[in-house]
Amino acid sequence: MSAVVREIYRKHGTPPVAKIFTGHPLLAQMLNVFKGRGVGREVIPAAWVGTARNDCYVVVSKVEVAKGLNSGRVWGTQYWHGKPASKSNHRIRTGSMTWTVRDLPRPKCLP
């Protein structure tokens, strides 16, 4: 069964839902599968996941996706220990020379 799935992925590419769980080298590509291209989502560097820095993150405010939906530019507001570290939006740099960024899942509060 897995050989069949690998063959389908090789021919047609990985479906967007599967890409969420396999990780992304590009932040714009990851945010593109969400409603509104991920504006309002909280992202965190992958190195910080599972550490004491879970309250340090960036809230995405603007996404420009390049032609082909494989890359783009992302802007956001950085929060450090739950408080805004900057008053203005700044570009979130990702790529080979910077950290890999992941979506920050927040647990849903039960009433």
PDB file of N, CA and C in Angstrom:
ATOM      1  N   MET A   1       0.816  -1.195   0.000  1.00  0.00           N
ATOM      2  CA  MET A   1       0.000   0.000   0.000  1.00  0.00           C
ATOM      3  C   MET A   1       0.859   1.259   0.000  1.00  0.00           C
ATOM      4  N   SER A   2       1.915   1.284   0.826  1.00  0.00           N
ATOM      5  CA  SER A   2       2.738   2.490   0.895  1.00  0.00           C
ATOM      6  C   SER A   2       3.484   2.734  -0.411  1.00  0.00           C
ATOM      7  N   ALA A   3       3.820   1.681  -1.141  1.00  0.00           N
ATOM      8  CA  ALA A   3       4.479   1.857  -2.435  1.00  0.00           C
ATOM      9  C   ALA A   3       3.541   2.537  -3.427  1.00  0.00           C
ATOM     10  N   VAL A   4       2.255   2.202  -3.358  1.00  0.00           N
ATOM     11  CA  VAL A   4       1.262   2.822  -4.238  1.00  0.00           C
ATOM     12  C   VAL A   4       1.120   4.304  -3.902  1.00  0.00           C
ATOM     13  N   VAL A   5       1.047   4.627  -2.620  1.00  0.00           N
ATOM     14  CA  VAL A   5       0.914   6.019  -2.187  1.00  0.00           C
ATOM     15  C   VAL A   5       2.144   6.823  -2.593  1.00  0.00           C
ATOM     16  N   ARG A   6       3.339   6.265  -2.397  1.00  0.00           N
ATOM     17  CA  ARG A   6       4.566   6.958  -2.798  1.00  0.00           C
ATOM     18  C   ARG A   6       4.581   7.238  -4.295  1.00  0.00           C
ATOM     19  N   GLU A   7       4.110   6.278  -5.086  1.00  0.00           N
ATOM     20  CA  GLU A   7       4.061   6.457  -6.537  1.00  0.00           C
ATOM     21  C   GLU A   7       3.094   7.582  -6.919  1.00  0.00           C
ATOM     22  N   ILE A   8       1.944   7.639  -6.261  1.00  0.00           N
ATOM     23  CA  ILE A   8       0.974   8.711  -6.530  1.00  0.00           C
ATOM     24  C   ILE A   8       1.560  10.059  -6.132  1.00  0.00           C
ATOM     25  N   TYR A   9       2.207  10.141  -4.971  1.00  0.00           N
ATOM     26  CA  TYR A   9       2.822  11.394  -4.535  1.00  0.00           C
ATOM     27  C   TYR A   9       3.924  11.827  -5.500  1.00  0.00           C
ATOM     28  N   ARG A  10       4.688  10.847  -6.010  1.00  0.00           N
ATOM     29  CA  ARG A  10       5.774  11.164  -6.930  1.00  0.00           C
ATOM     30  C   ARG A  10       5.233  11.770  -8.221  1.00  0.00           C
ATOM     31  N   LYS A  11       4.124  11.234  -8.716  1.00  0.00           N
ATOM     32  CA  LYS A  11       3.549  11.707  -9.977  1.00  0.00           C
ATOM     33  C   LYS A  11       2.786  13.015  -9.815  1.00  0.00           C
ATOM     34  N   HIS A  12       2.018  13.145  -8.737  1.00  0.00           N
ATOM     35  CA  HIS A  12       1.088  14.269  -8.606  1.00  0.00           C
ATOM     36  C   HIS A  12       1.448  15.252  -7.496  1.00  0.00           C
ATOM     37  N   GLY A  13       2.435  14.952  -6.695  1.00  0.00           N
ATOM     38  CA  GLY A  13       2.792  15.832  -5.586  1.00  0.00           C
ATOM     39  C   GLY A  13       2.014  15.479  -4.330  1.00  0.00           C
ATOM     40  N   THR A  14       2.512  15.967  -3.214  1.00  0.00           N
ATOM     41  CA  THR A  14       1.872  15.713  -1.935  1.00  0.00           C
ATOM     42  C   THR A  14       0.651  16.611  -1.788  1.00  0.00           C
ATOM     43  N   PRO A  15      -0.498  16.065  -1.349  1.00  0.00           N
ATOM     44  CA  PRO A  15      -1.676  16.914  -1.153  1.00  0.00           C
ATOM     45  C   PRO A  15      -1.433  17.915  -0.026  1.00  0.00           C
ATOM     46  N   PRO A  16      -2.103  19.084  -0.069  1.00  0.00           N
ATOM     47  CA  PRO A  16      -1.857  20.134   0.931  1.00  0.00           C
ATOM     48  C   PRO A  16      -2.042  19.678   2.372  1.00  0.00           C
ATOM     49  N   VAL A  17      -3.017  18.826   2.645  1.00  0.00           N
ATOM     50  CA  VAL A  17      -3.245  18.379   4.019  1.00  0.00           C
ATOM     51  C   VAL A  17      -2.073  17.546   4.502  1.00  0.00           C
ATOM     52  N   ALA A  18      -1.516  16.700   3.665  1.00  0.00           N
ATOM     53  CA  ALA A  18      -0.367  15.889   4.057  1.00  0.00           C
ATOM     54  C   ALA A  18       0.861  16.757   4.278  1.00  0.00           C
ATOM     55  N   LYS A  19       0.974  17.865   3.541  1.00  0.00           N
ATOM     56  CA  LYS A  19       2.128  18.743   3.696  1.00  0.00           C
ATOM     57  C   LYS A  19       2.164  19.404   5.068  1.00  0.00           C
ATOM     58  N   ILE A  20       1.008  19.635   5.674  1.00  0.00           N
ATOM     59  CA  ILE A  20       0.968  20.247   7.002  1.00  0.00           C
ATOM     60  C   ILE A  20       1.702  19.371   8.009  1.00  0.00           C
ATOM     61  N   PHE A  21       1.545  18.060   7.898  1.00  0.00           N
ATOM     62  CA  PHE A  21       2.106  17.149   8.878  1.00  0.00           C
ATOM     63  C   PHE A  21       3.536  16.735   8.566  1.00  0.00           C
ATOM     64  N   THR A  22       4.007  16.947   7.348  1.00  0.00           N
ATOM     65  CA  THR A  22       5.362  16.551   7.003  1.00  0.00           C
ATOM     66  C   THR A  22       6.360  17.683   7.157  1.00  0.00           C
ATOM     67  N   GLY A  23       5.903  18.895   7.450  1.00  0.00           N
ATOM     68  CA  GLY A  23       6.792  20.030   7.616  1.00  0.00           C
ATOM     69  C   GLY A  23       7.063  20.713   6.288  1.00  0.00           C
ATOM     70  N   HIS A  24       7.445  21.965   6.354  1.00  0.00           N
ATOM     71  CA  HIS A  24       7.690  22.757   5.163  1.00  0.00           C
ATOM     72  C   HIS A  24       8.998  23.505   5.294  1.00  0.00           C
ATOM     73  N   PRO A  25       9.757  23.566   4.212  1.00  0.00           N
ATOM     74  CA  PRO A  25      10.936  24.409   4.250  1.00  0.00           C
ATOM     75  C   PRO A  25      10.584  25.887   4.105  1.00  0.00           C
ATOM     76  N   LEU A  26       9.392  26.195   3.567  1.00  0.00           N
ATOM     77  CA  LEU A  26       9.008  27.574   3.315  1.00  0.00           C
ATOM     78  C   LEU A  26       7.748  27.935   4.089  1.00  0.00           C
ATOM     79  N   LEU A  27       7.799  29.048   4.797  1.00  0.00           N
ATOM     80  CA  LEU A  27       6.665  29.488   5.600  1.00  0.00           C
ATOM     81  C   LEU A  27       5.476  29.866   4.727  1.00  0.00           C
ATOM     82  N   ALA A  28       5.707  30.580   3.628  1.00  0.00           N
ATOM     83  CA  ALA A  28       4.607  30.995   2.753  1.00  0.00           C
ATOM     84  C   ALA A  28       3.874  29.785   2.184  1.00  0.00           C
ATOM     85  N   GLN A  29       4.598  28.729   1.888  1.00  0.00           N
ATOM     86  CA  GLN A  29       3.985  27.506   1.365  1.00  0.00           C
ATOM     87  C   GLN A  29       3.119  26.843   2.432  1.00  0.00           C
ATOM     88  N   MET A  30       3.571  26.853   3.684  1.00  0.00           N
ATOM     89  CA  MET A  30       2.792  26.268   4.766  1.00  0.00           C
ATOM     90  C   MET A  30       1.522  27.073   5.018  1.00  0.00           C
ATOM     91  N   LEU A  31       1.626  28.402   5.021  1.00  0.00           N
ATOM     92  CA  LEU A  31       0.475  29.250   5.317  1.00  0.00           C
ATOM     93  C   LEU A  31      -0.553  29.251   4.195  1.00  0.00           C
ATOM     94  N   ASN A  32      -0.149  28.903   2.987  1.00  0.00           N
ATOM     95  CA  ASN A  32      -1.046  28.948   1.839  1.00  0.00           C
ATOM     96  C   ASN A  32      -2.210  27.970   1.960  1.00  0.00           C
ATOM     97  N   VAL A  33      -2.078  26.901   2.750  1.00  0.00           N
ATOM     98  CA  VAL A  33      -3.159  25.920   2.872  1.00  0.00           C
ATOM     99  C   VAL A  33      -4.232  26.355   3.862  1.00  0.00           C
ATOM    100  N   PHE A  34      -3.979  27.400   4.640  1.00  0.00           N
ATOM    101  CA  PHE A  34      -4.949  27.865   5.617  1.00  0.00           C
ATOM    102  C   PHE A  34      -5.859  28.935   5.029  1.00  0.00           C
ATOM    103  N   LYS A  35      -7.014  29.113   5.640  1.00  0.00           N
ATOM    104  CA  LYS A  35      -7.965  30.134   5.215  1.00  0.00           C
ATOM    105  C   LYS A  35      -7.332  31.519   5.367  1.00  0.00           C
ATOM    106  N   GLY A  36      -7.501  32.358   4.356  1.00  0.00           N
ATOM    107  CA  GLY A  36      -6.929  33.699   4.398  1.00  0.00           C
ATOM    108  C   GLY A  36      -5.417  33.697   4.301  1.00  0.00           C
ATOM    109  N   ARG A  37      -4.862  32.630   3.762  1.00  0.00           N
ATOM    110  CA  ARG A  37      -3.413  32.452   3.617  1.00  0.00           C
ATOM    111  C   ARG A  37      -2.668  32.547   4.945  1.00  0.00           C
ATOM    112  N   GLY A  38      -3.340  32.199   6.027  1.00  0.00           N
ATOM    113  CA  GLY A  38      -2.681  32.122   7.325  1.00  0.00           C
ATOM    114  C   GLY A  38      -2.575  33.420   8.093  1.00  0.00           C
ATOM    115  N   VAL A  39      -3.223  34.475   7.627  1.00  0.00           N
ATOM    116  CA  VAL A  39      -3.179  35.747   8.356  1.00  0.00           C
ATOM    117  C   VAL A  39      -3.866  35.551   9.707  1.00  0.00           C
ATOM    118  N   GLY A  40      -3.192  35.955  10.779  1.00  0.00           N
ATOM    119  CA  GLY A  40      -3.706  35.771  12.130  1.00  0.00           C
ATOM    120  C   GLY A  40      -3.163  34.527  12.815  1.00  0.00           C
ATOM    121  N   ARG A  41      -2.481  33.648  12.079  1.00  0.00           N
ATOM    122  CA  ARG A  41      -1.909  32.437  12.676  1.00  0.00           C
ATOM    123  C   ARG A  41      -0.679  32.796  13.490  1.00  0.00           C
ATOM    124  N   GLU A  42      -0.388  31.975  14.470  1.00  0.00           N
ATOM    125  CA  GLU A  42       0.812  32.148  15.276  1.00  0.00           C
ATOM    126  C   GLU A  42       1.836  31.127  14.813  1.00  0.00           C
ATOM    127  N   VAL A  43       3.056  31.582  14.531  1.00  0.00           N
ATOM    128  CA  VAL A  43       4.128  30.689  14.108  1.00  0.00           C
ATOM    129  C   VAL A  43       5.294  30.837  15.074  1.00  0.00           C
ATOM    130  N   ILE A  44       6.097  29.789  15.140  1.00  0.00           N
ATOM    131  CA  ILE A  44       7.210  29.746  16.080  1.00  0.00           C
ATOM    132  C   ILE A  44       8.381  29.038  15.408  1.00  0.00           C
ATOM    133  N   PRO A  45       9.634  29.443  15.665  1.00  0.00           N
ATOM    134  CA  PRO A  45      10.767  28.692  15.133  1.00  0.00           C
ATOM    135  C   PRO A  45      10.738  27.253  15.644  1.00  0.00           C
ATOM    136  N   ALA A  46      11.057  26.315  14.780  1.00  0.00           N
ATOM    137  CA  ALA A  46      10.987  24.896  15.133  1.00  0.00           C
ATOM    138  C   ALA A  46      11.888  24.559  16.320  1.00  0.00           C
ATOM    139  N   ALA A  47      12.993  25.277  16.469  1.00  0.00           N
ATOM    140  CA  ALA A  47      13.909  25.020  17.579  1.00  0.00           C
ATOM    141  C   ALA A  47      13.292  25.365  18.927  1.00  0.00           C
ATOM    142  N   TRP A  48      12.262  26.195  18.942  1.00  0.00           N
ATOM    143  CA  TRP A  48      11.630  26.603  20.192  1.00  0.00           C
ATOM    144  C   TRP A  48      10.481  25.697  20.599  1.00  0.00           C
ATOM    145  N   VAL A  49      10.002  24.831  19.717  1.00  0.00           N
ATOM    146  CA  VAL A  49       8.865  23.966  20.027  1.00  0.00           C
ATOM    147  C   VAL A  49       9.258  23.000  21.141  1.00  0.00           C
ATOM    148  N   GLY A  50       8.434  22.925  22.175  1.00  0.00           N
ATOM    149  CA  GLY A  50       8.689  22.020  23.289  1.00  0.00           C
ATOM    150  C   GLY A  50       9.640  22.585  24.333  1.00  0.00           C
ATOM    151  N   THR A  51      10.024  23.845  24.209  1.00  0.00           N
ATOM    152  CA  THR A  51      10.900  24.467  25.198  1.00  0.00           C
ATOM    153  C   THR A  51      10.087  25.457  26.026  1.00  0.00           C
ATOM    154  N   ALA A  52      10.770  26.206  26.867  1.00  0.00           N
ATOM    155  CA  ALA A  52      10.093  27.199  27.708  1.00  0.00           C
ATOM    156  C   ALA A  52       9.693  28.444  26.918  1.00  0.00           C
ATOM    157  N   ARG A  53       9.991  28.475  25.631  1.00  0.00           N
ATOM    158  CA  ARG A  53       9.683  29.646  24.809  1.00  0.00           C
ATOM    159  C   ARG A  53       8.352  29.521  24.079  1.00  0.00           C
ATOM    160  N   ASN A  54       7.434  28.719  24.555  1.00  0.00           N
ATOM    161  CA  ASN A  54       6.148  28.552  23.879  1.00  0.00           C
ATOM    162  C   ASN A  54       5.302  29.816  23.902  1.00  0.00           C
ATOM    163  N   ASP A  55       5.613  30.764  24.769  1.00  0.00           N
ATOM    164  CA  ASP A  55       4.867  32.025  24.775  1.00  0.00           C
ATOM    165  C   ASP A  55       5.593  33.105  23.965  1.00  0.00           C
ATOM    166  N   CYS A  56       6.582  32.708  23.174  1.00  0.00           N
ATOM    167  CA  CYS A  56       7.287  33.603  22.257  1.00  0.00           C
ATOM    168  C   CYS A  56       6.963  33.148  20.839  1.00  0.00           C
ATOM    169  N   TYR A  57       6.363  34.033  20.056  1.00  0.00           N
ATOM    170  CA  TYR A  57       5.875  33.642  18.733  1.00  0.00           C
ATOM    171  C   TYR A  57       5.704  34.874  17.863  1.00  0.00           C
ATOM    172  N   VAL A  58       5.313  34.661  16.612  1.00  0.00           N
ATOM    173  CA  VAL A  58       5.025  35.749  15.676  1.00  0.00           C
ATOM    174  C   VAL A  58       3.613  35.549  15.156  1.00  0.00           C
ATOM    175  N   VAL A  59       2.797  36.606  15.179  1.00  0.00           N
ATOM    176  CA  VAL A  59       1.446  36.569  14.625  1.00  0.00           C
ATOM    177  C   VAL A  59       1.531  37.105  13.197  1.00  0.00           C
ATOM    178  N   VAL A  60       1.140  36.284  12.237  1.00  0.00           N
ATOM    179  CA  VAL A  60       1.222  36.643  10.819  1.00  0.00           C
ATOM    180  C   VAL A  60       0.190  37.720  10.508  1.00  0.00           C
ATOM    181  N   SER A  61       0.640  38.816   9.862  1.00  0.00           N
ATOM    182  CA  SER A  61      -0.274  39.912   9.531  1.00  0.00           C
ATOM    183  C   SER A  61      -0.439  40.116   8.028  1.00  0.00           C
ATOM    184  N   LYS A  62       0.522  39.671   7.230  1.00  0.00           N
ATOM    185  CA  LYS A  62       0.441  39.869   5.782  1.00  0.00           C
ATOM    186  C   LYS A  62       1.236  38.775   5.087  1.00  0.00           C
ATOM    187  N   VAL A  63       0.675  38.237   3.999  1.00  0.00           N
ATOM    188  CA  VAL A  63       1.348  37.200   3.219  1.00  0.00           C
ATOM    189  C   VAL A  63       1.261  37.562   1.745  1.00  0.00           C
ATOM    190  N   GLU A  64       2.396  37.583   1.067  1.00  0.00           N
ATOM    191  CA  GLU A  64       2.446  37.756  -0.382  1.00  0.00           C
ATOM    192  C   GLU A  64       3.032  36.479  -0.963  1.00  0.00           C
ATOM    193  N   VAL A  65       2.220  35.736  -1.703  1.00  0.00           N
ATOM    194  CA  VAL A  65       2.671  34.476  -2.282  1.00  0.00           C
ATOM    195  C   VAL A  65       3.130  34.732  -3.709  1.00  0.00           C
ATOM    196  N   ALA A  66       4.286  34.176  -4.067  1.00  0.00           N
ATOM    197  CA  ALA A  66       4.822  34.340  -5.412  1.00  0.00           C
ATOM    198  C   ALA A  66       4.056  33.458  -6.398  1.00  0.00           C
ATOM    199  N   LYS A  67       4.259  33.722  -7.668  1.00  0.00           N
ATOM    200  CA  LYS A  67       3.612  32.939  -8.717  1.00  0.00           C
ATOM    201  C   LYS A  67       4.045  31.484  -8.586  1.00  0.00           C
ATOM    202  N   GLY A  68       3.096  30.579  -8.657  1.00  0.00           N
ATOM    203  CA  GLY A  68       3.382  29.165  -8.486  1.00  0.00           C
ATOM    204  C   GLY A  68       3.145  28.675  -7.067  1.00  0.00           C
ATOM    205  N   LEU A  69       2.888  29.575  -6.135  1.00  0.00           N
ATOM    206  CA  LEU A  69       2.563  29.266  -4.737  1.00  0.00           C
ATOM    207  C   LEU A  69       3.657  28.501  -4.008  1.00  0.00           C
ATOM    208  N   ASN A  70       4.896  28.561  -4.480  1.00  0.00           N
ATOM    209  CA  ASN A  70       5.975  27.825  -3.833  1.00  0.00           C
ATOM    210  C   ASN A  70       6.814  28.679  -2.896  1.00  0.00           C
ATOM    211  N   SER A  71       6.703  29.993  -3.006  1.00  0.00           N
ATOM    212  CA  SER A  71       7.473  30.870  -2.133  1.00  0.00           C
ATOM    213  C   SER A  71       6.714  32.176  -1.962  1.00  0.00           C
ATOM    214  N   GLY A  72       7.270  33.062  -1.187  1.00  0.00           N
ATOM    215  CA  GLY A  72       6.623  34.349  -0.965  1.00  0.00           C
ATOM    216  C   GLY A  72       7.247  35.071   0.210  1.00  0.00           C
ATOM    217  N   ARG A  73       6.609  36.159   0.615  1.00  0.00           N
ATOM    218  CA  ARG A  73       7.073  36.967   1.739  1.00  0.00           C
ATOM    219  C   ARG A  73       5.992  36.999   2.808  1.00  0.00           C
ATOM    220  N   VAL A  74       6.435  37.005   4.058  1.00  0.00           N
ATOM    221  CA  VAL A  74       5.502  36.986   5.187  1.00  0.00           C
ATOM    222  C   VAL A  74       5.921  38.067   6.178  1.00  0.00           C
ATOM    223  N   TRP A  75       4.930  38.826   6.673  1.00  0.00           N
ATOM    224  CA  TRP A  75       5.159  39.848   7.688  1.00  0.00           C
ATOM    225  C   TRP A  75       4.349  39.506   8.928  1.00  0.00           C
ATOM    226  N   GLY A  76       4.840  39.951  10.089  1.00  0.00           N
ATOM    227  CA  GLY A  76       4.106  39.703  11.315  1.00  0.00           C
ATOM    228  C   GLY A  76       4.618  40.529  12.476  1.00  0.00           C
ATOM    229  N   THR A  77       3.920  40.407  13.597  1.00  0.00           N
ATOM    230  CA  THR A  77       4.286  41.091  14.835  1.00  0.00           C
ATOM    231  C   THR A  77       4.855  40.061  15.798  1.00  0.00           C
ATOM    232  N   GLN A  78       6.040  40.340  16.326  1.00  0.00           N
ATOM    233  CA  GLN A  78       6.703  39.407  17.226  1.00  0.00           C
ATOM    234  C   GLN A  78       6.229  39.619  18.657  1.00  0.00           C
ATOM    235  N   TYR A  79       5.954  38.510  19.337  1.00  0.00           N
ATOM    236  CA  TYR A  79       5.567  38.536  20.750  1.00  0.00           C
ATOM    237  C   TYR A  79       6.627  37.801  21.547  1.00  0.00           C
ATOM    238  N   TRP A  80       7.071  38.419  22.635  1.00  0.00           N
ATOM    239  CA  TRP A  80       8.069  37.816  23.504  1.00  0.00           C
ATOM    240  C   TRP A  80       7.455  37.681  24.886  1.00  0.00           C
ATOM    241  N   HIS A  81       7.328  36.462  25.364  1.00  0.00           N
ATOM    242  CA  HIS A  81       6.678  36.144  26.639  1.00  0.00           C
ATOM    243  C   HIS A  81       5.265  36.707  26.697  1.00  0.00           C
ATOM    244  N   GLY A  82       4.555  36.600  25.569  1.00  0.00           N
ATOM    245  CA  GLY A  82       3.158  37.004  25.497  1.00  0.00           C
ATOM    246  C   GLY A  82       2.905  38.484  25.289  1.00  0.00           C
ATOM    247  N   LYS A  83       3.954  39.299  25.236  1.00  0.00           N
ATOM    248  CA  LYS A  83       3.798  40.743  25.040  1.00  0.00           C
ATOM    249  C   LYS A  83       4.445  41.145  23.714  1.00  0.00           C
ATOM    250  N   PRO A  84       3.847  42.131  23.015  1.00  0.00           N
ATOM    251  CA  PRO A  84       4.434  42.550  21.732  1.00  0.00           C
ATOM    252  C   PRO A  84       5.861  43.071  21.912  1.00  0.00           C
ATOM    253  N   ALA A  85       6.790  42.525  21.143  1.00  0.00           N
ATOM    254  CA  ALA A  85       8.179  42.976  21.205  1.00  0.00           C
ATOM    255  C   ALA A  85       8.411  44.165  20.288  1.00  0.00           C
ATOM    256  N   SER A  86       7.555  44.320  19.284  1.00  0.00           N
ATOM    257  CA  SER A  86       7.665  45.455  18.375  1.00  0.00           C
ATOM    258  C   SER A  86       6.271  45.985  18.079  1.00  0.00           C
ATOM    259  N   LYS A  87       6.180  47.284  17.852  1.00  0.00           N
ATOM    260  CA  LYS A  87       4.874  47.885  17.584  1.00  0.00           C
ATOM    261  C   LYS A  87       4.500  47.800  16.113  1.00  0.00           C
ATOM    262  N   SER A  88       5.480  47.602  15.247  1.00  0.00           N
ATOM    263  CA  SER A  88       5.200  47.535  13.814  1.00  0.00           C
ATOM    264  C   SER A  88       5.456  46.119  13.291  1.00  0.00           C
ATOM    265  N   ASN A  89       4.921  45.855  12.118  1.00  0.00           N
ATOM    266  CA  ASN A  89       5.139  44.562  11.480  1.00  0.00           C
ATOM    267  C   ASN A  89       6.544  44.510  10.895  1.00  0.00           C
ATOM    268  N   HIS A  90       7.134  43.348  10.916  1.00  0.00           N
ATOM    269  CA  HIS A  90       8.427  43.158  10.277  1.00  0.00           C
ATOM    270  C   HIS A  90       8.370  41.880   9.451  1.00  0.00           C
ATOM    271  N   ARG A  91       9.269  41.764   8.510  1.00  0.00           N
ATOM    272  CA  ARG A  91       9.287  40.595   7.636  1.00  0.00           C
ATOM    273  C   ARG A  91       9.865  39.406   8.390  1.00  0.00           C
ATOM    274  N   ILE A  92       9.200  38.268   8.258  1.00  0.00           N
ATOM    275  CA  ILE A  92       9.667  37.033   8.882  1.00  0.00           C
ATOM    276  C   ILE A  92      10.614  36.374   7.895  1.00  0.00           C
ATOM    277  N   ARG A  93      11.868  36.310   8.240  1.00  0.00           N
ATOM    278  CA  ARG A  93      12.882  35.734   7.357  1.00  0.00           C
ATOM    279  C   ARG A  93      12.967  34.234   7.594  1.00  0.00           C
ATOM    280  N   THR A  94      12.830  33.476   6.527  1.00  0.00           N
ATOM    281  CA  THR A  94      12.992  32.028   6.598  1.00  0.00           C
ATOM    282  C   THR A  94      13.837  31.601   5.414  1.00  0.00           C
ATOM    283  N   GLY A  95      14.327  30.388   5.451  1.00  0.00           N
ATOM    284  CA  GLY A  95      15.129  29.883   4.345  1.00  0.00           C
ATOM    285  C   GLY A  95      16.344  29.142   4.854  1.00  0.00           C
ATOM    286  N   SER A  96      17.304  28.942   3.985  1.00  0.00           N
ATOM    287  CA  SER A  96      18.455  28.117   4.330  1.00  0.00           C
ATOM    288  C   SER A  96      19.366  28.775   5.367  1.00  0.00           C
ATOM    289  N   MET A  97      19.360  30.104   5.456  1.00  0.00           N
ATOM    290  CA  MET A  97      20.249  30.788   6.388  1.00  0.00           C
ATOM    291  C   MET A  97      19.557  31.163   7.703  1.00  0.00           C
ATOM    292  N   THR A  98      18.292  30.815   7.857  1.00  0.00           N
ATOM    293  CA  THR A  98      17.554  31.147   9.076  1.00  0.00           C
ATOM    294  C   THR A  98      16.844  29.909   9.592  1.00  0.00           C
ATOM    295  N   TRP A  99      16.096  30.059  10.657  1.00  0.00           N
ATOM    296  CA  TRP A  99      15.407  28.935  11.271  1.00  0.00           C
ATOM    297  C   TRP A  99      14.200  28.496  10.471  1.00  0.00           C
ATOM    298  N   THR A 100      13.845  27.235  10.626  1.00  0.00           N
ATOM    299  CA  THR A 100      12.601  26.719  10.073  1.00  0.00           C
ATOM    300  C   THR A 100      11.478  27.130  11.012  1.00  0.00           C
ATOM    301  N   VAL A 101      10.363  27.610  10.450  1.00  0.00           N
ATOM    302  CA  VAL A 101       9.250  28.104  11.256  1.00  0.00           C
ATOM    303  C   VAL A 101       8.089  27.132  11.167  1.00  0.00           C
ATOM    304  N   ARG A 102       7.425  26.869  12.284  1.00  0.00           N
ATOM    305  CA  ARG A 102       6.290  25.950  12.352  1.00  0.00           C
ATOM    306  C   ARG A 102       5.048  26.688  12.828  1.00  0.00           C
ATOM    307  N   ASP A 103       3.893  26.120  12.504  1.00  0.00           N
ATOM    308  CA  ASP A 103       2.621  26.633  13.011  1.00  0.00           C
ATOM    309  C   ASP A 103       2.557  26.314  14.495  1.00  0.00           C
ATOM    310  N   LEU A 104       2.068  27.241  15.297  1.00  0.00           N
ATOM    311  CA  LEU A 104       1.979  27.041  16.742  1.00  0.00           C
ATOM    312  C   LEU A 104       0.567  26.623  17.101  1.00  0.00           C
ATOM    313  N   PRO A 105       0.347  25.330  17.311  1.00  0.00           N
ATOM    314  CA  PRO A 105      -1.006  24.899  17.669  1.00  0.00           C
ATOM    315  C   PRO A 105      -1.330  25.291  19.096  1.00  0.00           C
ATOM    316  N   ARG A 106      -2.455  25.916  19.269  1.00  0.00           N
ATOM    317  CA  ARG A 106      -2.920  26.306  20.599  1.00  0.00           C
ATOM    318  C   ARG A 106      -4.027  25.353  21.019  1.00  0.00           C
ATOM    319  N   PRO A 107      -3.972  24.831  22.245  1.00  0.00           N
ATOM    320  CA  PRO A 107      -5.055  23.954  22.700  1.00  0.00           C
ATOM    321  C   PRO A 107      -6.354  24.729  22.840  1.00  0.00           C
ATOM    322  N   LYS A 108      -7.441  24.098  22.456  1.00  0.00           N
ATOM    323  CA  LYS A 108      -8.758  24.723  22.579  1.00  0.00           C
ATOM    324  C   LYS A 108      -9.207  24.645  24.034  1.00  0.00           C
ATOM    325  N   CYS A 109      -9.678  25.749  24.566  1.00  0.00           N
ATOM    326  CA  CYS A 109     -10.173  25.788  25.944  1.00  0.00           C
ATOM    327  C   CYS A 109     -11.601  25.258  25.976  1.00  0.00           C
ATOM    328  N   LEU A 110     -11.840  24.352  26.868  1.00  0.00           N
ATOM    329  CA  LEU A 110     -13.183  23.797  27.010  1.00  0.00           C
ATOM    330  C   LEU A 110     -14.010  24.693  27.924  1.00  0.00           C
ATOM    331  N   PRO A 111     -15.294  24.888  27.609  1.00  0.00           N
ATOM    332  CA  PRO A 111     -16.130  25.745  28.472  1.00  0.00           C
ATOM    333  C   PRO A 111     -16.401  25.123  29.819  1.00  0.00           C
TER     334      PRO A 111
END
